[in-house]
Structures are given as C-alpha cells and as structure tokens.
C-alpha atoms as a PDB file:
ATOM      1  CA  MET A   1      40.807  93.186 223.628  1.00  0.00           C
ATOM      2  CA  GLN A   2      39.150  93.664 226.989  1.00  0.00           C
ATOM      3  CA  ILE A   3      41.496  93.776 229.985  1.00  0.00           C
ATOM      4  CA  PRO A   4      39.734  93.603 233.362  1.00  0.00           C
ATOM      5  CA  LEU A   5      40.784  96.092 236.012  1.00  0.00           C
ATOM      6  CA  VAL A   6      40.707  93.382 238.669  1.00  0.00           C
ATOM      7  CA  ASP A   7      40.192  89.711 237.957  1.00  0.00           C
ATOM      8  CA  LEU A   8      38.567  88.545 241.168  1.00  0.00           C
ATOM      9  CA  TYR A   9      37.639  85.194 239.654  1.00  0.00           C
ATOM     10  CA  ALA A  10      41.277  84.350 238.974  1.00  0.00           C
ATOM     11  CA  GLN A  11      42.127  85.264 242.552  1.00  0.00           C
ATOM     12  CA  TYR A  12      39.186  83.220 243.845  1.00  0.00           C
ATOM     13  CA  GLU A  13      40.311  80.160 241.862  1.00  0.00           C
ATOM     14  CA  THR A  14      43.606  80.141 243.807  1.00  0.00           C
ATOM     15  CA  ILE A  15      41.821  80.032 247.200  1.00  0.00           C
ATOM     16  CA  LYS A  16      38.546  78.354 246.221  1.00  0.00           C
ATOM     17  CA  HIS A  17      39.119  75.152 248.198  1.00  0.00           C
ATOM     18  CA  GLU A  18      39.996  77.023 251.394  1.00  0.00           C
ATOM     19  CA  VAL A  19      37.064  79.424 251.026  1.00  0.00           C
ATOM     20  CA  MET A  20      34.509  76.705 250.331  1.00  0.00           C
ATOM     21  CA  SER A  21      35.861  74.518 253.131  1.00  0.00           C
ATOM     22  CA  THR A  22      35.503  77.407 255.579  1.00  0.00           C
ATOM     23  CA  PHE A  23      31.954  78.177 254.374  1.00  0.00           C
ATOM     24  CA  GLU A  24      30.989  74.533 254.816  1.00  0.00           C
ATOM     25  CA  ASP A  25      32.453  74.499 258.333  1.00  0.00           C
ATOM     26  CA  VAL A  26      30.599  77.652 259.362  1.00  0.00           C
ATOM     27  CA  LEU A  27      27.303  76.603 257.788  1.00  0.00           C
ATOM     28  CA  GLY A  28      27.644  73.052 259.065  1.00  0.00           C
ATOM     29  CA  HIS A  29      27.706  74.297 262.654  1.00  0.00           C
ATOM     30  CA  MET A  30      25.352  77.243 261.979  1.00  0.00           C
ATOM     31  CA  GLN A  31      27.390  79.456 264.299  1.00  0.00           C
ATOM     32  CA  LEU A  32      27.177  82.424 261.954  1.00  0.00           C
ATOM     33  CA  PHE A  33      28.040  85.164 264.458  1.00  0.00           C
ATOM     34  CA  LEU A  34      30.752  85.299 267.095  1.00  0.00           C
ATOM     35  CA  GLY A  35      31.845  81.755 266.292  1.00  0.00           C
ATOM     36  CA  PRO A  36      35.219  80.056 266.590  1.00  0.00           C
ATOM     37  CA  GLN A  37      36.357  81.377 263.183  1.00  0.00           C
ATOM     38  CA  LEU A  38      35.953  84.949 264.396  1.00  0.00           C
ATOM     39  CA  LYS A  39      37.811  84.211 267.602  1.00  0.00           C
ATOM     40  CA  GLU A  40      40.635  82.599 265.627  1.00  0.00           C
ATOM     41  CA  PHE A  41      40.769  85.574 263.240  1.00  0.00           C
ATOM     42  CA  GLU A  42      40.911  88.058 266.116  1.00  0.00           C
ATOM     43  CA  GLN A  43      43.751  86.155 267.781  1.00  0.00           C
ATOM     44  CA  GLU A  44      45.728  85.845 264.544  1.00  0.00           C
ATOM     45  CA  PHE A  45      45.152  89.505 263.702  1.00  0.00           C
ATOM     46  CA  ALA A  46      46.328  90.647 267.151  1.00  0.00           C
ATOM     47  CA  ALA A  47      49.399  88.420 266.960  1.00  0.00           C
ATOM     48  CA  TYR A  48      50.255  89.722 263.482  1.00  0.00           C
ATOM     49  CA  TRP A  49      50.108  93.353 264.664  1.00  0.00           C
ATOM     50  CA  GLY A  50      51.743  92.641 268.017  1.00  0.00           C
ATOM     51  CA  CYS A  51      48.662  93.700 269.959  1.00  0.00           C
ATOM     52  CA  GLN A  52      46.948  92.133 272.926  1.00  0.00           C
ATOM     53  CA  TYR A  53      43.525  92.199 271.252  1.00  0.00           C
ATOM     54  CA  GLY A  54      41.975  92.200 267.799  1.00  0.00           C
ATOM     55  CA  VAL A  55      38.315  92.924 267.105  1.00  0.00           C
ATOM     56  CA  GLY A  56      36.535  91.573 264.057  1.00  0.00           C
ATOM     57  CA  LEU A  57      33.720  93.746 262.749  1.00  0.00           C
ATOM     58  CA  SER A  58      31.239  93.440 259.911  1.00  0.00           C
ATOM     59  CA  SER A  59      32.894  96.037 257.669  1.00  0.00           C
ATOM     60  CA  GLY A  60      35.702  98.508 257.266  1.00  0.00           C
ATOM     61  CA  THR A  61      33.184 101.292 257.778  1.00  0.00           C
ATOM     62  CA  ASP A  62      32.298  99.890 261.206  1.00  0.00           C
ATOM     63  CA  ALA A  63      36.012  99.570 262.012  1.00  0.00           C
ATOM     64  CA  LEU A  64      36.601 103.241 261.169  1.00  0.00           C
ATOM     65  CA  ALA A  65      33.569 104.329 263.194  1.00  0.00           C
ATOM     66  CA  LEU A  66      34.793 102.292 266.172  1.00  0.00           C
ATOM     67  CA  ALA A  67      38.231 103.931 265.921  1.00  0.00           C
ATOM     68  CA  LEU A  68      36.594 107.368 265.906  1.00  0.00           C
ATOM     69  CA  ARG A  69      34.397 106.463 268.881  1.00  0.00           C
ATOM     70  CA  ALA A  70      37.468 105.174 270.734  1.00  0.00           C
ATOM     71  CA  CYS A  71      38.961 108.647 270.268  1.00  0.00           C
ATOM     72  CA  ALA A  72      35.752 110.183 271.682  1.00  0.00           C
ATOM     73  CA  ILE A  73      34.910 111.816 268.345  1.00  0.00           C
ATOM     74  CA  GLY A  74      31.260 112.781 267.967  1.00  0.00           C
ATOM     75  CA  PRO A  75      28.757 115.546 267.191  1.00  0.00           C
ATOM     76  CA  GLY A  76      30.362 118.958 266.866  1.00  0.00           C
ATOM     77  CA  ASP A  77      33.837 117.543 266.168  1.00  0.00           C
ATOM     78  CA  GLU A  78      35.701 117.791 262.876  1.00  0.00           C
ATOM     79  CA  VAL A  79      37.819 115.124 261.226  1.00  0.00           C
ATOM     80  CA  ILE A  80      40.370 116.128 258.616  1.00  0.00           C
ATOM     81  CA  THR A  81      40.698 113.632 255.771  1.00  0.00           C
ATOM     82  CA  VAL A  82      42.030 113.651 252.236  1.00  0.00           C
ATOM     83  CA  ALA A  83      39.727 114.670 249.437  1.00  0.00           C
ATOM     84  CA  ASN A  84      40.385 111.431 247.529  1.00  0.00           C
ATOM     85  CA  THR A  85      39.483 109.096 250.380  1.00  0.00           C
ATOM     86  CA  PHE A  86      37.167 106.118 249.968  1.00  0.00           C
ATOM     87  CA  ILE A  87      33.489 106.786 250.778  1.00  0.00           C
ATOM     88  CA  ALA A  88      33.670 104.538 253.877  1.00  0.00           C
ATOM     89  CA  THR A  89      35.822 107.171 255.584  1.00  0.00           C
ATOM     90  CA  ILE A  90      33.124 109.799 255.161  1.00  0.00           C
ATOM     91  CA  GLU A  91      30.400 107.326 256.165  1.00  0.00           C
ATOM     92  CA  ALA A  92      32.237 106.530 259.405  1.00  0.00           C
ATOM     93  CA  ILE A  93      32.718 110.211 260.212  1.00  0.00           C
ATOM     94  CA  ALA A  94      29.000 110.804 259.614  1.00  0.00           C
ATOM     95  CA  MET A  95      28.041 107.717 261.667  1.00  0.00           C
ATOM     96  CA  VAL A  96      29.610 109.238 264.788  1.00  0.00           C
ATOM     97  CA  GLY A  97      28.056 112.650 264.086  1.00  0.00           C
ATOM     98  CA  ALA A  98      31.294 114.454 263.251  1.00  0.00           C
ATOM     99  CA  THR A  99      31.936 116.675 260.231  1.00  0.00           C
ATOM    100  CA  PRO A 100      34.467 115.736 257.535  1.00  0.00           C
ATOM    101  CA  VAL A 101      36.926 118.464 256.561  1.00  0.00           C
ATOM    102  CA  PHE A 102      38.742 117.807 253.308  1.00  0.00           C
ATOM    103  CA  ILE A 103      42.402 118.551 252.773  1.00  0.00           C
ATOM    104  CA  ASP A 104      44.247 118.430 249.472  1.00  0.00           C
ATOM    105  CA  VAL A 105      46.743 115.756 248.627  1.00  0.00           C
ATOM    106  CA  ASP A 106      50.408 116.304 247.935  1.00  0.00           C
ATOM    107  CA  PRO A 107      50.806 116.457 244.128  1.00  0.00           C
ATOM    108  CA  GLU A 108      53.939 114.284 244.282  1.00  0.00           C
ATOM    109  CA  THR A 109      52.742 111.526 246.627  1.00  0.00           C
ATOM    110  CA  TYR A 110      48.940 111.769 246.257  1.00  0.00           C
ATOM    111  CA  THR A 111      48.742 111.421 250.040  1.00  0.00           C
ATOM    112  CA  MET A 112      47.750 113.963 252.701  1.00  0.00           C
ATOM    113  CA  ASN A 113      49.488 117.272 252.254  1.00  0.00           C
ATOM    114  CA  TRP A 114      50.311 117.670 255.942  1.00  0.00           C
ATOM    115  CA  ARG A 115      51.764 121.121 255.301  1.00  0.00           C
ATOM    116  CA  GLN A 116      48.162 122.327 254.909  1.00  0.00           C
ATOM    117  CA  LEU A 117      47.103 121.055 258.339  1.00  0.00           C
ATOM    118  CA  GLU A 118      47.920 124.301 260.151  1.00  0.00           C
ATOM    119  CA  ARG A 119      45.332 126.304 258.222  1.00  0.00           C
ATOM    120  CA  MET A 120      42.761 123.501 258.495  1.00  0.00           C
ATOM    121  CA  LEU A 121      42.757 123.305 262.284  1.00  0.00           C
ATOM    122  CA  THR A 122      39.907 124.767 264.267  1.00  0.00           C
ATOM    123  CA  SER A 123      38.927 124.426 267.895  1.00  0.00           C
ATOM    124  CA  ARG A 124      36.494 121.687 266.817  1.00  0.00           C
ATOM    125  CA  CYS A 125      39.094 119.659 264.918  1.00  0.00           C
ATOM    126  CA  LEU A 126      40.120 116.737 267.066  1.00  0.00           C
ATOM    127  CA  ILE A 127      41.513 114.229 264.617  1.00  0.00           C
ATOM    128  CA  ALA A 128      43.277 113.891 261.292  1.00  0.00           C
ATOM    129  CA  ASP A 129      42.854 110.751 259.209  1.00  0.00           C
ATOM    130  CA  LEU A 130      46.311 109.796 258.016  1.00  0.00           C
ATOM    131  CA  SER A 131      45.196 106.669 256.227  1.00  0.00           C
ATOM    132  CA  ARG A 132      46.763 108.040 253.081  1.00  0.00           C
ATOM    133  CA  ALA A 133      49.614 109.970 254.657  1.00  0.00           C
ATOM    134  CA  ASP A 134      53.074 109.474 253.263  1.00  0.00           C
ATOM    135  CA  GLY A 135      55.115 107.730 255.920  1.00  0.00           C
ATOM    136  CA  GLY A 136      52.602 107.068 258.640  1.00  0.00           C
ATOM    137  CA  ALA A 137      50.891 108.946 261.411  1.00  0.00           C
ATOM    138  CA  GLU A 138      53.794 109.143 263.840  1.00  0.00           C
ATOM    139  CA  ARG A 139      56.254 110.590 261.333  1.00  0.00           C
ATOM    140  CA  MET A 140      53.722 113.000 259.869  1.00  0.00           C
ATOM    141  CA  GLY A 141      52.700 114.330 263.262  1.00  0.00           C
ATOM    142  CA  GLY A 142      56.348 114.834 264.190  1.00  0.00           C
ATOM    143  CA  GLN A 143      57.097 116.715 260.978  1.00  0.00           C
ATOM    144  CA  PHE A 144      54.024 118.887 261.443  1.00  0.00           C
ATOM    145  CA  ASN A 145      54.979 119.721 265.027  1.00  0.00           C
ATOM    146  CA  GLN A 146      58.570 120.492 264.013  1.00  0.00           C
ATOM    147  CA  GLU A 147      57.652 122.769 261.108  1.00  0.00           C
ATOM    148  CA  THR A 148      54.921 124.639 262.962  1.00  0.00           C
ATOM    149  CA  GLY A 149      56.639 124.835 266.339  1.00  0.00           C
ATOM    150  CA  ARG A 150      53.818 122.920 268.002  1.00  0.00           C
ATOM    151  CA  SER A 151      54.522 120.385 270.687  1.00  0.00           C
ATOM    152  CA  GLY A 152      52.549 117.640 272.344  1.00  0.00           C
ATOM    153  CA  ASN A 153      49.409 115.979 271.103  1.00  0.00           C
ATOM    154  CA  PHE A 154      47.503 118.970 269.782  1.00  0.00           C
ATOM    155  CA  ILE A 155      45.497 116.686 267.554  1.00  0.00           C
ATOM    156  CA  LYS A 156      44.839 112.971 267.522  1.00  0.00           C
ATOM    157  CA  LEU A 157      46.228 111.215 264.488  1.00  0.00           C
ATOM    158  CA  TYR A 158      45.104 107.805 263.373  1.00  0.00           C
ATOM    159  CA  GLU A 159      46.143 105.544 260.583  1.00  0.00           C
ATOM    160  CA  LYS A 160      44.081 102.725 259.114  1.00  0.00           C
ATOM    161  CA  CYS A 161      45.847  99.490 258.379  1.00  0.00           C
END
C-alpha cells in the first residue's frame, strides 16, 4: 500500500472551482501583475493580522529578504537561524548579503534553543530568526534577556508568519 505524504490533488479538488474561477478572471482581464486580486489579497491579509498594510510578493523567499532589508540587514551582518530551517531562509539571508549562523534546536521542542544565543552573538550579529522558536519572538527575547541579564533591544528578533 502506498500512502502519499501529502495529497495535494485531494486538497485541490475541494477548492478547484474557486481556483479555476480566479484564474479565468485574471486571465480574462490579462492584468497579471499588480491587479485587483493582489490589492484585495493585501487588504484582507492586513485586516487579518490587524495591520495597516499588507504586501504581496512573488514568493516566501522574497518576503523573508524584504523583512531582512527592512531591518537594515546586509553585507557583513550575521543572522542566527535554526539548523533545520527551510532553504528559503538561507536564500533570503544570502540575497541581502548577510551570513547565516546556525544554532541548534531544543531537543524537546525542535525549535530554536534560545539558551545558546549568548554564545552565538558577535558584534556582527544583528538579527535572530525565530520562525521556529517555541512561543514566539517576544517571549523568547524576554526570556533570553532575563536569563542573561541583558536589557533592551540588543538584537532584532523577527518571526515569520
């Protein structure tokens, strides 16, 4: 018996009409870039997250690179990320010219072992990717500061959604 890891066709069958209808609408107007569907998505995304703005990009890699650029991360900077991250994380770090620094995961949660951050920090380390941190960026940064006696924003923390 062969059991598929992910059955994308079964998922597609449940949304096929909506997907095809949207494709037909986009192709029927030939507004393939920056069209009304993107604007609608951005507004819905911002409303969902309680933000003023949402920005649709072509890929998750581009979204990560934009987040890094927004934090002024670039050549000569280091970004701490978990060793078991998806390749797009490393691609985004490389796209902005920064250097990835890998940190181990917690053996119980398989997320960032934030207790190792102290020894990972250098003067070039400006950001830690908490996309796989147990409990979110705000909580992890607070725990790190409390346990190490640090205060303030010594390092920028970001969390992908």
